[in-house]
Protein backbone atom coordinates (compact mmCIF):
# COMPACT_ATOMS: atom_id res chain seq x y z
CA MET A 1 -128.54 26.64 -134.10
CA ARG A 2 -128.47 29.15 -131.26
CA LYS A 3 -127.38 26.63 -128.90
CA TRP A 4 -124.17 25.66 -131.10
CA ALA A 5 -122.85 29.37 -131.56
CA LEU A 6 -123.05 29.67 -127.88
CA VAL A 7 -120.82 26.47 -127.79
CA SER A 8 -118.63 27.69 -130.42
CA VAL A 9 -118.20 31.19 -128.49
CA TRP A 10 -117.66 29.25 -125.54
CA LEU A 11 -114.91 26.91 -126.99
CA LEU A 12 -113.04 29.80 -128.50
CA CYS A 13 -113.06 31.75 -125.55
CA SER A 14 -111.79 28.95 -123.41
CA GLY A 15 -109.13 28.56 -125.68
CA LEU A 16 -110.21 25.16 -126.38
CA TRP A 17 -110.64 25.91 -130.06
CA ALA A 18 -108.66 28.03 -132.35
CA VAL A 19 -110.07 30.09 -135.10
CA ASP A 20 -108.52 31.74 -138.18
CA ILE A 21 -109.42 35.81 -138.46
CA ASN A 22 -109.93 35.23 -142.35
CA HIS A 23 -112.35 32.49 -141.92
CA ALA A 24 -114.23 33.34 -138.86
CA SER A 25 -117.91 34.38 -138.89
CA GLU A 26 -119.02 37.69 -137.10
CA ALA A 27 -120.44 36.11 -134.21
CA GLU A 28 -117.20 34.23 -133.56
CA LEU A 29 -115.11 37.34 -133.55
CA ASP A 30 -117.89 39.18 -131.53
CA GLY A 31 -117.52 36.24 -128.86
CA LEU A 32 -113.99 37.28 -127.98
CA ARG A 33 -113.32 39.12 -125.05
CA GLY A 34 -112.24 42.72 -125.86
CA LEU A 35 -113.88 42.86 -129.48
CA GLY A 36 -117.43 44.89 -129.75
CA PRO A 37 -119.39 45.07 -132.40
CA ALA A 38 -117.74 48.32 -133.96
CA PHE A 39 -114.40 46.62 -133.68
CA THR A 40 -115.66 43.74 -135.10
CA ARG A 41 -117.62 45.76 -138.00
CA ARG A 42 -114.02 47.30 -139.10
CA LEU A 43 -112.27 43.88 -138.99
CA MET A 44 -115.28 42.00 -141.32
CA ALA A 45 -114.85 45.26 -143.63
CA GLU A 46 -111.24 45.26 -144.00
CA ARG A 47 -111.10 41.47 -144.59
CA SER A 48 -113.73 42.05 -147.29
CA ARG A 49 -111.04 43.88 -149.00
CA GLY A 50 -108.73 40.78 -148.78
CA PRO A 51 -107.60 38.18 -146.71
CA PHE A 52 -105.26 39.14 -143.69
CA ALA A 53 -101.32 37.62 -144.65
CA SER A 54 -100.08 38.08 -140.87
CA TRP A 55 -100.71 39.59 -137.70
CA ASP A 56 -98.30 42.69 -138.81
CA ASP A 57 -100.78 43.13 -141.93
CA LEU A 58 -103.43 42.78 -139.76
CA MET A 59 -102.39 45.23 -137.27
CA ARG A 60 -101.35 47.69 -140.04
CA ARG A 61 -104.59 47.38 -141.81
CA VAL A 62 -107.19 47.70 -138.79
CA SER A 63 -107.63 50.58 -136.94
CA GLY A 64 -106.96 50.05 -133.18
CA MET A 65 -105.49 46.68 -133.23
CA GLY A 66 -102.29 47.10 -131.63
CA ARG A 67 -99.70 44.55 -130.62
CA THR A 68 -101.51 44.56 -127.07
CA THR A 69 -105.09 43.95 -128.44
CA ALA A 70 -103.40 41.06 -131.10
CA GLN A 71 -101.69 39.41 -128.27
CA LYS A 72 -104.90 39.08 -126.01
CA LEU A 73 -106.85 37.95 -129.04
CA SER A 74 -104.24 35.37 -129.89
CA ASP A 75 -104.25 34.07 -126.42
CA GLN A 76 -108.13 33.25 -126.71
CA GLY A 77 -107.21 31.12 -130.15
CA LEU A 78 -107.48 33.62 -132.98
CA THR A 79 -105.01 33.01 -135.67
CA VAL A 80 -103.75 34.57 -139.21
CA ASN A 81 -103.23 32.05 -141.55
CA GLU A 82 -103.48 29.39 -138.37
CA LYS A 83 -100.60 31.04 -136.88
CA ALA A 84 -100.75 32.34 -133.20
CA LEU A 85 -99.17 35.87 -132.99
CA ASN A 86 -96.29 34.53 -130.98
CA ALA A 87 -95.84 31.83 -133.75
CA GLU A 88 -95.26 34.06 -136.48
CA LYS A 89 -93.01 36.02 -134.52
CA ASN A 90 -90.71 33.20 -133.52
CA SER A 91 -90.74 31.83 -137.16
CA ASP A 92 -88.23 34.21 -138.41
CA PRO A 93 -84.80 33.61 -136.97
CA LEU A 94 -83.81 37.06 -138.09
CA LYS A 95 -85.97 39.24 -136.00
CA PRO A 96 -85.33 40.20 -132.66
């Protein structure tokens, strides 16, 4: 089991595998560069109140999650509702 967890973390960190924040395990989130155990616990606690609707919702609800951190996580394959940060931003043509 540990071997598969390590493979999953490696695939996630290498960008070969995307994972959605609303479905990610604590181990998958801990495997992302830039997320420590305390930050992961805040994410998991906030997610337990309800799924994240968008990247903006995630950044608003989780303390310490700003645009820079969100971009770094998105670049590593993290998605919100299966959308990368840039994909979500570009989906609304009325937004600058």
